[in-house]
PDB file of N, CA and C in Angstrom:
ATOM      1  N   MET A   1       0.847  -1.196   0.070  1.00  0.00           N
ATOM      2  CA  MET A   1       0.026   0.039   0.039  1.00  0.00           C
ATOM      3  C   MET A   1       0.872   1.156   0.028  1.00  0.00           C
ATOM      4  N   VAL A   2       0.586   2.165  -0.782  1.00  0.00           N
ATOM      5  CA  VAL A   2       1.194   3.491  -0.939  1.00  0.00           C
ATOM      6  C   VAL A   2       0.763   4.410   0.183  1.00  0.00           C
ATOM      7  N   MET A   3       1.724   4.897   1.003  1.00  0.00           N
ATOM      8  CA  MET A   3       1.294   5.839   1.984  1.00  0.00           C
ATOM      9  C   MET A   3       1.385   7.191   1.488  1.00  0.00           C
ATOM     10  N   MET A   4       0.276   7.981   1.444  1.00  0.00           N
ATOM     11  CA  MET A   4       0.270   9.388   1.009  1.00  0.00           C
ATOM     12  C   MET A   4       0.417  10.290   2.146  1.00  0.00           C
ATOM     13  N   SER A   5       1.016  11.522   2.028  1.00  0.00           N
ATOM     14  CA  SER A   5       1.020  12.321   3.001  1.00  0.00           C
ATOM     15  C   SER A   5       0.817  13.728   2.515  1.00  0.00           C
ATOM     16  N   ALA A   6       0.629  14.578   3.412  1.00  0.00           N
ATOM     17  CA  ALA A   6       0.105  16.070   3.178  1.00  0.00           C
ATOM     18  C   ALA A   6       1.058  16.774   2.409  1.00  0.00           C
ATOM     19  N   THR A   7       2.404  16.269   2.238  1.00  0.00           N
ATOM     20  CA  THR A   7       3.432  17.077   1.592  1.00  0.00           C
ATOM     21  C   THR A   7       3.272  16.977   0.009  1.00  0.00           C
ATOM     22  N   SER A   8       2.335  16.189  -0.479  1.00  0.00           N
ATOM     23  CA  SER A   8       2.128  16.087  -1.857  1.00  0.00           C
ATOM     24  C   SER A   8       1.369  17.446  -2.332  1.00  0.00           C
ATOM     25  N   ASN A   9       1.936  18.188  -3.157  1.00  0.00           N
ATOM     26  CA  ASN A   9       1.275  19.406  -3.706  1.00  0.00           C
ATOM     27  C   ASN A   9       0.598  19.274  -5.010  1.00  0.00           C
ATOM     28  N   ASP A  10       0.451  18.051  -5.526  1.00  0.00           N
ATOM     29  CA  ASP A  10      -0.181  17.874  -6.712  1.00  0.00           C
ATOM     30  C   ASP A  10      -1.770  18.106  -6.557  1.00  0.00           C
ATOM     31  N   PRO A  11      -2.269  19.240  -7.189  1.00  0.00           N
ATOM     32  CA  PRO A  11      -3.679  19.462  -7.008  1.00  0.00           C
ATOM     33  C   PRO A  11      -4.532  18.399  -7.568  1.00  0.00           C
ATOM     34  N   ALA A  12      -4.187  17.737  -8.627  1.00  0.00           N
ATOM     35  CA  ALA A  12      -5.064  16.624  -9.347  1.00  0.00           C
ATOM     36  C   ALA A  12      -5.154  15.532  -8.443  1.00  0.00           C
ATOM     37  N   GLU A  13      -4.002  15.097  -7.602  1.00  0.00           N
ATOM     38  CA  GLU A  13      -4.157  14.033  -6.729  1.00  0.00           C
ATOM     39  C   GLU A  13      -4.925  14.483  -5.495  1.00  0.00           C
ATOM     40  N   LEU A  14      -4.853  15.681  -5.002  1.00  0.00           N
ATOM     41  CA  LEU A  14      -5.670  15.941  -3.800  1.00  0.00           C
ATOM     42  C   LEU A  14      -7.116  16.012  -4.181  1.00  0.00           C
ATOM     43  N   ILE A  15      -7.392  16.526  -5.449  1.00  0.00           N
ATOM     44  CA  ILE A  15      -8.871  16.446  -5.836  1.00  0.00           C
ATOM     45  C   ILE A  15      -9.269  15.068  -5.960  1.00  0.00           C
ATOM     46  N   ALA A  16      -8.571  14.139  -6.546  1.00  0.00           N
ATOM     47  CA  ALA A  16      -8.979  12.721  -6.557  1.00  0.00           C
ATOM     48  C   ALA A  16      -9.172  12.043  -5.364  1.00  0.00           C
ATOM     49  N   LEU A  17      -8.299  12.469  -4.416  1.00  0.00           N
ATOM     50  CA  LEU A  17      -8.381  11.836  -2.988  1.00  0.00           C
ATOM     51  C   LEU A  17      -9.653  12.362  -2.315  1.00  0.00           C
ATOM     52  N   ALA A  18      -9.974  13.621  -2.543  1.00  0.00           N
ATOM     53  CA  ALA A  18     -11.261  14.252  -1.916  1.00  0.00           C
ATOM     54  C   ALA A  18     -12.417  13.659  -2.543  1.00  0.00           C
ATOM     55  N   LEU A  19     -12.500  13.364  -3.822  1.00  0.00           N
ATOM     56  CA  LEU A  19     -13.730  12.843  -4.321  1.00  0.00           C
ATOM     57  C   LEU A  19     -13.908  11.329  -4.192  1.00  0.00           C
ATOM     58  N   MET A  20     -12.816  10.580  -3.984  1.00  0.00           N
ATOM     59  CA  MET A  20     -12.868   9.110  -3.960  1.00  0.00           C
ATOM     60  C   MET A  20     -13.930   8.526  -2.987  1.00  0.00           C
ATOM     61  N   PRO A  21     -13.931   9.004  -1.735  1.00  0.00           N
ATOM     62  CA  PRO A  21     -15.085   8.367  -0.873  1.00  0.00           C
ATOM     63  C   PRO A  21     -16.658   8.731  -1.362  1.00  0.00           C
ATOM     64  N   ALA A  22     -16.581   9.819  -2.029  1.00  0.00           N
ATOM     65  CA  ALA A  22     -18.049  10.003  -2.531  1.00  0.00           C
ATOM     66  C   ALA A  22     -18.341   9.155  -3.643  1.00  0.00           C
ATOM     67  N   ILE A  23     -17.458   9.042  -4.567  1.00  0.00           N
ATOM     68  CA  ILE A  23     -17.516   8.074  -5.609  1.00  0.00           C
ATOM     69  C   ILE A  23     -17.826   6.611  -5.224  1.00  0.00           C
ATOM     70  N   VAL A  24     -17.118   6.240  -4.232  1.00  0.00           N
ATOM     71  CA  VAL A  24     -17.187   4.781  -3.727  1.00  0.00           C
ATOM     72  C   VAL A  24     -18.633   4.627  -3.154  1.00  0.00           C
ATOM     73  N   ALA A  25     -19.075   5.680  -2.363  1.00  0.00           N
ATOM     74  CA  ALA A  25     -20.483   5.684  -1.695  1.00  0.00           C
ATOM     75  C   ALA A  25     -21.577   5.701  -2.756  1.00  0.00           C
ATOM     76  N   ALA A  26     -21.322   6.399  -3.808  1.00  0.00           N
ATOM     77  CA  ALA A  26     -22.373   6.511  -4.947  1.00  0.00           C
ATOM     78  C   ALA A  26     -22.461   5.026  -5.557  1.00  0.00           C
ATOM     79  N   ILE A  27     -21.298   4.495  -5.903  1.00  0.00           N
ATOM     80  CA  ILE A  27     -21.254   3.114  -6.413  1.00  0.00           C
ATOM     81  C   ILE A  27     -21.947   2.098  -5.531  1.00  0.00           C
ATOM     82  N   PHE A  28     -21.738   2.220  -4.177  1.00  0.00           N
ATOM     83  CA  PHE A  28     -22.261   1.324  -3.217  1.00  0.00           C
ATOM     84  C   PHE A  28     -23.828   1.450  -3.128  1.00  0.00           C
ATOM     85  N   ARG A  29     -24.302   2.835  -3.319  1.00  0.00           N
ATOM     86  CA  ARG A  29     -25.718   3.055  -3.269  1.00  0.00           C
ATOM     87  C   ARG A  29     -26.399   2.609  -4.456  1.00  0.00           C
ATOM     88  N   ALA A  30     -25.731   2.664  -5.627  1.00  0.00           N
ATOM     89  CA  ALA A  30     -26.238   2.292  -6.921  1.00  0.00           C
ATOM     90  C   ALA A  30     -26.440   0.611  -6.906  1.00  0.00           C
ATOM     91  N   GLY A  31     -25.337   0.038  -6.353  1.00  0.00           N
ATOM     92  CA  GLY A  31     -25.331  -1.393  -6.283  1.00  0.00           C
ATOM     93  C   GLY A  31     -26.509  -1.916  -5.440  1.00  0.00           C
ATOM     94  N   MET A  32     -26.710  -1.294  -4.220  1.00  0.00           N
ATOM     95  CA  MET A  32     -27.726  -1.637  -3.375  1.00  0.00           C
ATOM     96  C   MET A  32     -29.115  -1.387  -3.991  1.00  0.00           C
ATOM     97  N   TRP A  33     -29.341  -0.294  -4.614  1.00  0.00           N
ATOM     98  CA  TRP A  33     -30.593   0.017  -5.303  1.00  0.00           C
ATOM     99  C   TRP A  33     -30.795  -1.070  -6.481  1.00  0.00           C
ATOM    100  N   LEU A  34     -29.780  -1.421  -7.176  1.00  0.00           N
ATOM    101  CA  LEU A  34     -30.072  -2.495  -8.268  1.00  0.00           C
ATOM    102  C   LEU A  34     -30.380  -3.865  -7.521  1.00  0.00           C
ATOM    103  N   HIS A  35     -29.663  -4.211  -6.511  1.00  0.00           N
ATOM    104  CA  HIS A  35     -30.098  -5.408  -5.879  1.00  0.00           C
ATOM    105  C   HIS A  35     -31.517  -5.417  -5.397  1.00  0.00           C
ATOM    106  N   TYR A  36     -31.914  -4.358  -4.637  1.00  0.00           N
ATOM    107  CA  TYR A  36     -33.270  -4.250  -4.286  1.00  0.00           C
ATOM    108  C   TYR A  36     -34.269  -4.237  -5.214  1.00  0.00           C
ATOM    109  N   LYS A  37     -33.993  -3.639  -6.300  1.00  0.00           N
ATOM    110  CA  LYS A  37     -34.981  -3.613  -7.510  1.00  0.00           C
ATOM    111  C   LYS A  37     -35.106  -5.004  -8.086  1.00  0.00           C
ATOM    112  N   GLN A  38     -34.032  -5.615  -8.195  1.00  0.00           N
ATOM    113  CA  GLN A  38     -34.079  -6.979  -8.680  1.00  0.00           C
ATOM    114  C   GLN A  38     -34.698  -7.982  -7.783  1.00  0.00           C
ATOM    115  N   ALA A  39     -34.527  -7.761  -6.508  1.00  0.00           N
ATOM    116  CA  ALA A  39     -35.194  -8.710  -5.436  1.00  0.00           C
ATOM    117  C   ALA A  39     -36.701  -8.389  -5.403  1.00  0.00           C
ATOM    118  N   ASN A  40     -37.037  -7.081  -5.600  1.00  0.00           N
ATOM    119  CA  ASN A  40     -38.410  -6.731  -5.425  1.00  0.00           C
ATOM    120  C   ASN A  40     -39.267  -6.857  -6.717  1.00  0.00           C
ATOM    121  N   ARG A  41     -38.573  -7.250  -7.764  1.00  0.00           N
ATOM    122  CA  ARG A  41     -39.075  -7.450  -9.195  1.00  0.00           C
ATOM    123  C   ARG A  41     -39.775  -6.116  -9.547  1.00  0.00           C
ATOM    124  N   ASP A  42     -39.097  -5.038  -9.445  1.00  0.00           N
ATOM    125  CA  ASP A  42     -39.501  -3.694  -9.945  1.00  0.00           C
ATOM    126  C   ASP A  42     -40.695  -3.158  -9.111  1.00  0.00           C
ATOM    127  N   ARG A  43     -41.025  -3.633  -7.912  1.00  0.00           N
ATOM    128  CA  ARG A  43     -41.938  -3.011  -7.017  1.00  0.00           C
ATOM    129  C   ARG A  43     -41.148  -1.930  -6.220  1.00  0.00           C
ATOM    130  N   PRO A  44     -41.821  -0.935  -5.593  1.00  0.00           N
ATOM    131  CA  PRO A  44     -41.191   0.004  -4.961  1.00  0.00           C
ATOM    132  C   PRO A  44     -40.402  -0.477  -3.741  1.00  0.00           C
ATOM    133  N   LEU A  45     -39.308   0.191  -3.367  1.00  0.00           N
ATOM    134  CA  LEU A  45     -38.640  -0.272  -2.158  1.00  0.00           C
ATOM    135  C   LEU A  45     -39.270  -0.125  -0.962  1.00  0.00           C
ATOM    136  N   SER A  46     -39.172  -1.028  -0.028  1.00  0.00           N
ATOM    137  CA  SER A  46     -39.891  -0.905   1.203  1.00  0.00           C
ATOM    138  C   SER A  46     -39.173   0.184   2.129  1.00  0.00           C
ATOM    139  N   ALA A  47     -39.888   0.499   3.219  1.00  0.00           N
ATOM    140  CA  ALA A  47     -39.219   1.667   4.198  1.00  0.00           C
ATOM    141  C   ALA A  47     -37.982   1.060   4.705  1.00  0.00           C
ATOM    142  N   TYR A  48     -37.940  -0.181   5.052  1.00  0.00           N
ATOM    143  CA  TYR A  48     -36.761  -0.777   5.619  1.00  0.00           C
ATOM    144  C   TYR A  48     -35.618  -0.871   4.634  1.00  0.00           C
ATOM    145  N   GLN A  49     -35.855  -1.162   3.306  1.00  0.00           N
ATOM    146  CA  GLN A  49     -34.729  -1.234   2.397  1.00  0.00           C
ATOM    147  C   GLN A  49     -34.302   0.210   2.116  1.00  0.00           C
ATOM    148  N   GLN A  50     -35.127   1.204   2.155  1.00  0.00           N
ATOM    149  CA  GLN A  50     -34.775   2.679   1.979  1.00  0.00           C
ATOM    150  C   GLN A  50     -33.913   3.106   3.221  1.00  0.00           C
ATOM    151  N   ARG A  51     -34.286   2.660   4.413  1.00  0.00           N
ATOM    152  CA  ARG A  51     -33.407   3.054   5.615  1.00  0.00           C
ATOM    153  C   ARG A  51     -32.056   2.292   5.414  1.00  0.00           C
ATOM    154  N   LEU A  52     -31.969   1.129   5.004  1.00  0.00           N
ATOM    155  CA  LEU A  52     -30.734   0.398   4.923  1.00  0.00           C
ATOM    156  C   LEU A  52     -29.849   1.171   3.747  1.00  0.00           C
ATOM    157  N   MET A  53     -30.416   1.590   2.725  1.00  0.00           N
ATOM    158  CA  MET A  53     -29.607   2.342   1.729  1.00  0.00           C
ATOM    159  C   MET A  53     -29.262   3.568   2.246  1.00  0.00           C
ATOM    160  N   LYS A  54     -30.113   4.335   3.002  1.00  0.00           N
ATOM    161  CA  LYS A  54     -29.662   5.639   3.505  1.00  0.00           C
ATOM    162  C   LYS A  54     -28.575   5.568   4.502  1.00  0.00           C
ATOM    163  N   TYR A  55     -28.637   4.686   5.492  1.00  0.00           N
ATOM    164  CA  TYR A  55     -27.634   4.502   6.532  1.00  0.00           C
ATOM    165  C   TYR A  55     -26.386   3.823   6.125  1.00  0.00           C
ATOM    166  N   GLY A  56     -26.672   2.766   5.191  1.00  0.00           N
ATOM    167  CA  GLY A  56     -25.447   2.158   4.599  1.00  0.00           C
ATOM    168  C   GLY A  56     -24.567   3.055   3.881  1.00  0.00           C
ATOM    169  N   THR A  57     -25.159   3.902   3.022  1.00  0.00           N
ATOM    170  CA  THR A  57     -24.352   4.773   2.154  1.00  0.00           C
ATOM    171  C   THR A  57     -23.788   5.851   3.026  1.00  0.00           C
ATOM    172  N   LEU A  58     -24.383   6.297   4.043  1.00  0.00           N
ATOM    173  CA  LEU A  58     -23.827   7.205   5.069  1.00  0.00           C
ATOM    174  C   LEU A  58     -22.618   6.654   5.713  1.00  0.00           C
ATOM    175  N   ALA A  59     -22.672   5.441   6.105  1.00  0.00           N
ATOM    176  CA  ALA A  59     -21.676   4.717   6.614  1.00  0.00           C
ATOM    177  C   ALA A  59     -20.366   4.576   5.832  1.00  0.00           C
ATOM    178  N   VAL A  60     -20.661   4.111   4.595  1.00  0.00           N
ATOM    179  CA  VAL A  60     -19.465   4.044   3.535  1.00  0.00           C
ATOM    180  C   VAL A  60     -18.908   5.355   3.244  1.00  0.00           C
ATOM    181  N   PHE A  61     -19.683   6.459   3.049  1.00  0.00           N
ATOM    182  CA  PHE A  61     -19.188   7.675   2.846  1.00  0.00           C
ATOM    183  C   PHE A  61     -18.341   8.224   3.923  1.00  0.00           C
ATOM    184  N   GLY A  62     -18.774   8.197   5.140  1.00  0.00           N
ATOM    185  CA  GLY A  62     -17.907   8.636   6.229  1.00  0.00           C
ATOM    186  C   GLY A  62     -16.887   7.804   6.553  1.00  0.00           C
ATOM    187  N   ALA A  63     -16.986   6.524   6.354  1.00  0.00           N
ATOM    188  CA  ALA A  63     -15.716   5.567   6.671  1.00  0.00           C
ATOM    189  C   ALA A  63     -14.665   5.922   5.499  1.00  0.00           C
ATOM    190  N   GLY A  64     -15.022   6.234   4.390  1.00  0.00           N
ATOM    191  CA  GLY A  64     -14.012   6.594   3.347  1.00  0.00           C
ATOM    192  C   GLY A  64     -13.163   7.802   3.861  1.00  0.00           C
ATOM    193  N   TYR A  65     -13.834   8.792   4.235  1.00  0.00           N
ATOM    194  CA  TYR A  65     -13.235  10.078   4.662  1.00  0.00           C
ATOM    195  C   TYR A  65     -12.419   9.785   6.087  1.00  0.00           C
ATOM    196  N   THR A  66     -12.950   9.035   6.985  1.00  0.00           N
ATOM    197  CA  THR A  66     -12.239   8.768   8.227  1.00  0.00           C
ATOM    198  C   THR A  66     -10.980   7.910   8.022  1.00  0.00           C
ATOM    199  N   LEU A  67     -10.935   7.100   6.988  1.00  0.00           N
ATOM    200  CA  LEU A  67      -9.810   6.313   6.631  1.00  0.00           C
ATOM    201  C   LEU A  67      -8.789   7.154   5.844  1.00  0.00           C
ATOM    202  N   LEU A  68      -9.410   8.078   4.976  1.00  0.00           N
ATOM    203  CA  LEU A  68      -8.529   8.746   4.268  1.00  0.00           C
ATOM    204  C   LEU A  68      -7.771   9.910   5.031  1.00  0.00           C
ATOM    205  N   PHE A  69      -8.342  10.595   5.894  1.00  0.00           N
ATOM    206  CA  PHE A  69      -7.852  11.661   6.629  1.00  0.00           C
ATOM    207  C   PHE A  69      -6.366  11.380   7.310  1.00  0.00           C
ATOM    208  N   PRO A  70      -6.216  10.315   8.052  1.00  0.00           N
ATOM    209  CA  PRO A  70      -4.901  10.013   8.659  1.00  0.00           C
ATOM    210  C   PRO A  70      -3.859   9.689   7.610  1.00  0.00           C
ATOM    211  N   ALA A  71      -4.354   9.102   6.539  1.00  0.00           N
ATOM    212  CA  ALA A  71      -3.416   8.706   5.439  1.00  0.00           C
ATOM    213  C   ALA A  71      -2.796  10.045   4.751  1.00  0.00           C
ATOM    214  N   VAL A  72      -3.717  10.948   4.408  1.00  0.00           N
ATOM    215  CA  VAL A  72      -3.293  12.151   3.794  1.00  0.00           C
ATOM    216  C   VAL A  72      -2.515  12.981   4.778  1.00  0.00           C
ATOM    217  N   CYS A  73      -2.858  13.009   6.058  1.00  0.00           N
ATOM    218  CA  CYS A  73      -2.065  13.755   6.954  1.00  0.00           C
ATOM    219  C   CYS A  73      -0.820  13.122   7.464  1.00  0.00           C
ATOM    220  N   GLY A  74      -0.500  12.011   6.994  1.00  0.00           N
ATOM    221  CA  GLY A  74       0.735  11.274   7.454  1.00  0.00           C
ATOM    222  C   GLY A  74       0.607  10.937   8.911  1.00  0.00           C
ATOM    223  N   LEU A  75      -0.483  10.608   9.525  1.00  0.00           N
ATOM    224  CA  LEU A  75      -0.749  10.095  10.746  1.00  0.00           C
ATOM    225  C   LEU A  75      -0.696   8.439  10.703  1.00  0.00           C
ATOM    226  N   GLN A  76      -0.800   7.928  11.871  1.00  0.00           N
ATOM    227  CA  GLN A  76      -0.670   6.617  12.104  1.00  0.00           C
ATOM    228  C   GLN A  76      -1.810   5.840  11.610  1.00  0.00           C
ATOM    229  N   LYS A  77      -1.764   4.648  11.123  1.00  0.00           N
ATOM    230  CA  LYS A  77      -2.889   3.927  10.441  1.00  0.00           C
ATOM    231  C   LYS A  77      -3.950   3.582  11.558  1.00  0.00           C
ATOM    232  N   PRO A  78      -3.568   3.116  12.745  1.00  0.00           N
ATOM    233  CA  PRO A  78      -4.624   2.902  13.805  1.00  0.00           C
ATOM    234  C   PRO A  78      -5.562   3.962  14.156  1.00  0.00           C
ATOM    235  N   LEU A  79      -5.174   5.210  13.839  1.00  0.00           N
ATOM    236  CA  LEU A  79      -6.011   6.360  14.086  1.00  0.00           C
ATOM    237  C   LEU A  79      -7.301   6.305  13.184  1.00  0.00           C
ATOM    238  N   GLY A  80      -6.875   6.024  11.879  1.00  0.00           N
ATOM    239  CA  GLY A  80      -7.922   5.863  10.911  1.00  0.00           C
ATOM    240  C   GLY A  80      -8.994   4.794  11.261  1.00  0.00           C
ATOM    241  N   ILE A  81      -8.465   3.695  11.654  1.00  0.00           N
ATOM    242  CA  ILE A  81      -9.265   2.521  12.140  1.00  0.00           C
ATOM    243  C   ILE A  81     -10.193   2.955  13.267  1.00  0.00           C
ATOM    244  N   LEU A  82      -9.523   3.678  14.257  1.00  0.00           N
ATOM    245  CA  LEU A  82     -10.349   4.140  15.401  1.00  0.00           C
ATOM    246  C   LEU A  82     -11.395   5.117  14.920  1.00  0.00           C
ATOM    247  N   LEU A  83     -11.097   6.112  14.146  1.00  0.00           N
ATOM    248  CA  LEU A  83     -12.077   7.053  13.626  1.00  0.00           C
ATOM    249  C   LEU A  83     -13.167   6.374  12.789  1.00  0.00           C
ATOM    250  N   THR A  84     -12.863   5.378  11.983  1.00  0.00           N
ATOM    251  CA  THR A  84     -13.888   4.673  11.124  1.00  0.00           C
ATOM    252  C   THR A  84     -14.857   3.885  12.040  1.00  0.00           C
ATOM    253  N   THR A  85     -14.198   3.227  13.143  1.00  0.00           N
ATOM    254  CA  THR A  85     -15.061   2.342  14.063  1.00  0.00           C
ATOM    255  C   THR A  85     -16.144   3.466  14.705  1.00  0.00           C
ATOM    256  N   GLY A  86     -15.518   4.503  15.119  1.00  0.00           N
ATOM    257  CA  GLY A  86     -16.526   5.496  15.857  1.00  0.00           C
ATOM    258  C   GLY A  86     -17.509   6.025  14.932  1.00  0.00           C
ATOM    259  N   TRP A  87     -17.092   6.253  13.612  1.00  0.00           N
ATOM    260  CA  TRP A  87     -18.158   6.673  12.644  1.00  0.00           C
ATOM    261  C   TRP A  87     -19.236   5.733  12.461  1.00  0.00           C
ATOM    262  N   VAL A  88     -18.873   4.605  12.179  1.00  0.00           N
ATOM    263  CA  VAL A  88     -19.845   3.423  11.990  1.00  0.00           C
ATOM    264  C   VAL A  88     -20.744   3.149  13.196  1.00  0.00           C
ATOM    265  N   LEU A  89     -20.166   3.265  14.220  1.00  0.00           N
ATOM    266  CA  LEU A  89     -20.982   3.057  15.658  1.00  0.00           C
ATOM    267  C   LEU A  89     -21.965   4.260  15.630  1.00  0.00           C
ATOM    268  N   ALA A  90     -21.551   5.411  15.306  1.00  0.00           N
ATOM    269  CA  ALA A  90     -22.462   6.554  15.402  1.00  0.00           C
ATOM    270  C   ALA A  90     -23.639   6.564  14.260  1.00  0.00           C
ATOM    271  N   VAL A  91     -23.308   5.969  13.115  1.00  0.00           N
ATOM    272  CA  VAL A  91     -24.415   5.733  12.206  1.00  0.00           C
ATOM    273  C   VAL A  91     -25.239   4.677  12.542  1.00  0.00           C
ATOM    274  N   TRP A  92     -24.790   3.731  13.238  1.00  0.00           N
ATOM    275  CA  TRP A  92     -25.472   2.531  13.663  1.00  0.00           C
ATOM    276  C   TRP A  92     -26.409   2.959  14.790  1.00  0.00           C
ATOM    277  N   THR A  93     -26.043   3.858  15.519  1.00  0.00           N
ATOM    278  CA  THR A  93     -26.834   4.330  16.757  1.00  0.00           C
ATOM    279  C   THR A  93     -28.005   5.270  16.197  1.00  0.00           C
ATOM    280  N   LEU A  94     -27.656   5.984  15.225  1.00  0.00           N
ATOM    281  CA  LEU A  94     -28.638   6.852  14.438  1.00  0.00           C
ATOM    282  C   LEU A  94     -29.767   5.901  13.962  1.00  0.00           C
ATOM    283  N   TYR A  95     -29.404   4.855  13.078  1.00  0.00           N
ATOM    284  CA  TYR A  95     -30.264   3.866  12.714  1.00  0.00           C
ATOM    285  C   TYR A  95     -31.170   3.268  13.663  1.00  0.00           C
ATOM    286  N   ARG A  96     -30.590   2.699  14.832  1.00  0.00           N
ATOM    287  CA  ARG A  96     -31.380   2.110  15.877  1.00  0.00           C
ATOM    288  C   ARG A  96     -32.270   2.999  16.563  1.00  0.00           C
ATOM    289  N   ARG A  97     -31.918   4.440  16.683  1.00  0.00           N
ATOM    290  CA  ARG A  97     -32.823   5.282  17.304  1.00  0.00           C
ATOM    291  C   ARG A  97     -34.085   5.521  16.233  1.00  0.00           C
ATOM    292  N   ARG A  98     -33.870   5.708  15.078  1.00  0.00           N
ATOM    293  CA  ARG A  98     -34.924   5.862  14.118  1.00  0.00           C
ATOM    294  C   ARG A  98     -35.832   4.612  14.126  1.00  0.00           C
ATOM    295  N   ARG A  99     -35.175   3.537  14.121  1.00  0.00           N
ATOM    296  CA  ARG A  99     -36.022   2.293  14.041  1.00  0.00           C
ATOM    297  C   ARG A  99     -36.851   2.156  15.434  1.00  0.00           C
ATOM    298  N   GLU A 100     -36.335   2.446  16.527  1.00  0.00           N
ATOM    299  CA  GLU A 100     -37.138   2.466  17.665  1.00  0.00           C
ATOM    300  C   GLU A 100     -38.262   3.458  17.806  1.00  0.00           C
ATOM    301  N   GLN A 101     -38.053   4.625  17.189  1.00  0.00           N
ATOM    302  CA  GLN A 101     -39.028   5.591  17.026  1.00  0.00           C
ATOM    303  C   GLN A 101     -40.268   5.062  16.256  1.00  0.00           C
ATOM    304  N   ASN A 102     -39.878   4.415  15.059  1.00  0.00           N
ATOM    305  CA  ASN A 102     -40.939   3.957  14.181  1.00  0.00           C
ATOM    306  C   ASN A 102     -41.598   2.903  14.792  1.00  0.00           C
ATOM    307  N   LEU A 103     -41.016   1.920  15.715  1.00  0.00           N
ATOM    308  CA  LEU A 103     -41.703   0.927  16.298  1.00  0.00           C
ATOM    309  C   LEU A 103     -42.468   1.394  17.449  1.00  0.00           C
ATOM    310  N   ALA A 104     -42.106   2.403  18.098  1.00  0.00           N
ATOM    311  CA  ALA A 104     -42.941   2.999  19.280  1.00  0.00           C
ATOM    312  C   ALA A 104     -44.070   3.799  18.761  1.00  0.00           C
ATOM    313  N   HIS A 105     -43.948   4.433  17.715  1.00  0.00           N
ATOM    314  CA  HIS A 105     -45.088   5.328  17.192  1.00  0.00           C
ATOM    315  C   HIS A 105     -45.244   4.931  15.746  1.00  0.00           C
ATOM    316  N   PRO A 106     -45.935   3.746  15.347  1.00  0.00           N
ATOM    317  CA  PRO A 106     -46.028   3.458  13.959  1.00  0.00           C
ATOM    318  C   PRO A 106     -46.862   4.273  13.158  1.00  0.00           C
ATOM    319  N   ASN A 107     -47.825   5.033  13.751  1.00  0.00           N
ATOM    320  CA  ASN A 107     -48.760   5.810  13.009  1.00  0.00           C
ATOM    321  C   ASN A 107     -48.481   7.194  13.083  1.00  0.00           C
ATOM    322  N   ASP A 108     -47.415   7.715  13.672  1.00  0.00           N
ATOM    323  CA  ASP A 108     -47.194   9.115  13.996  1.00  0.00           C
ATOM    324  C   ASP A 108     -46.604   9.692  12.534  1.00  0.00           C
ATOM    325  N   GLU A 109     -47.321  10.520  12.119  1.00  0.00           N
ATOM    326  CA  GLU A 109     -46.966  11.189  10.648  1.00  0.00           C
ATOM    327  C   GLU A 109     -45.796  12.053  10.775  1.00  0.00           C
ATOM    328  N   SER A 110     -45.394  12.689  11.895  1.00  0.00           N
ATOM    329  CA  SER A 110     -44.196  13.562  11.974  1.00  0.00           C
ATOM    330  C   SER A 110     -43.022  12.606  12.002  1.00  0.00           C
ATOM    331  N   ILE A 111     -43.072  11.391  12.257  1.00  0.00           N
ATOM    332  CA  ILE A 111     -41.886  10.547  12.218  1.00  0.00           C
ATOM    333  C   ILE A 111     -41.847   9.722  11.069  1.00  0.00           C
ATOM    334  N   ARG A 112     -43.019   9.274  10.484  1.00  0.00           N
ATOM    335  CA  ARG A 112     -42.960   8.270   9.474  1.00  0.00           C
ATOM    336  C   ARG A 112     -43.835   8.907   8.299  1.00  0.00           C
ATOM    337  N   LYS A 113     -43.206   8.959   7.068  1.00  0.00           N
ATOM    338  CA  LYS A 113     -43.966   9.386   5.955  1.00  0.00           C
ATOM    339  C   LYS A 113     -44.825   8.197   5.383  1.00  0.00           C
ATOM    340  N   THR A 114     -45.895   8.449   4.808  1.00  0.00           N
ATOM    341  CA  THR A 114     -46.809   7.412   4.162  1.00  0.00           C
ATOM    342  C   THR A 114     -46.353   7.204   2.732  1.00  0.00           C
ATOM    343  N   ASP A 115     -46.746   6.122   2.121  1.00  0.00           N
ATOM    344  CA  ASP A 115     -46.356   5.900   0.827  1.00  0.00           C
ATOM    345  C   ASP A 115     -46.781   7.042  -0.265  1.00  0.00           C
ATOM    346  N   LYS A 116     -48.008   7.546   0.129  1.00  0.00           N
ATOM    347  CA  LYS A 116     -48.482   8.672  -0.786  1.00  0.00           C
ATOM    348  C   LYS A 116     -47.591   9.671  -0.664  1.00  0.00           C
ATOM    349  N   ASP A 117     -47.078  10.143   0.443  1.00  0.00           N
ATOM    350  CA  ASP A 117     -46.169  11.124   0.512  1.00  0.00           C
ATOM    351  C   ASP A 117     -44.817  11.020  -0.158  1.00  0.00           C
ATOM    352  N   ARG A 118     -44.456   9.814  -0.187  1.00  0.00           N
ATOM    353  CA  ARG A 118     -43.125   9.472  -0.933  1.00  0.00           C
ATOM    354  C   ARG A 118     -43.441   9.508  -2.426  1.00  0.00           C
ATOM    355  N   GLN A 119     -44.591   9.186  -2.923  1.00  0.00           N
ATOM    356  CA  GLN A 119     -44.843   9.203  -4.370  1.00  0.00           C
ATOM    357  C   GLN A 119     -44.962  10.592  -4.941  1.00  0.00           C
ATOM    358  N   ILE A 120     -45.287  11.586  -4.046  1.00  0.00           N
ATOM    359  CA  ILE A 120     -45.499  12.925  -4.546  1.00  0.00           C
ATOM    360  C   ILE A 120     -44.277  13.753  -4.172  1.00  0.00           C
ATOM    361  N   GLY A 121     -43.229  12.989  -3.520  1.00  0.00           N
ATOM    362  CA  GLY A 121     -41.914  13.720  -3.327  1.00  0.00           C
ATOM    363  C   GLY A 121     -41.887  14.478  -2.097  1.00  0.00           C
ATOM    364  N   LEU A 122     -42.764  14.305  -1.156  1.00  0.00           N
ATOM    365  CA  LEU A 122     -42.633  14.989   0.321  1.00  0.00           C
ATOM    366  C   LEU A 122     -41.534  14.236   1.152  1.00  0.00           C
TER     367      LEU A 122
END
């Protein structure tokens, strides 16, 4: 593995590094969407599948940047692993809280959108 540091002044390399986690997260989301569309046989995605796509993409996006930051700054590798673990745990906690809210208040419109709201883009 090539270790990069902040001493590199090549703007093209820095731009590529800055965009890489977003590109990987977009590919991850597209793959999840294609998988769910195929599994559902072109029916709309369920609320559960939409949540998995949302929080999964957020986890991959953030994990990319938390792994990239120490490498670019020339810091030790375990710091990136520690930051990534913290990020994924934070996203998992957000997911669990939202799931518990939906289970506790299944008919509360302020927490949960209806299928009709999703169809018209609300």
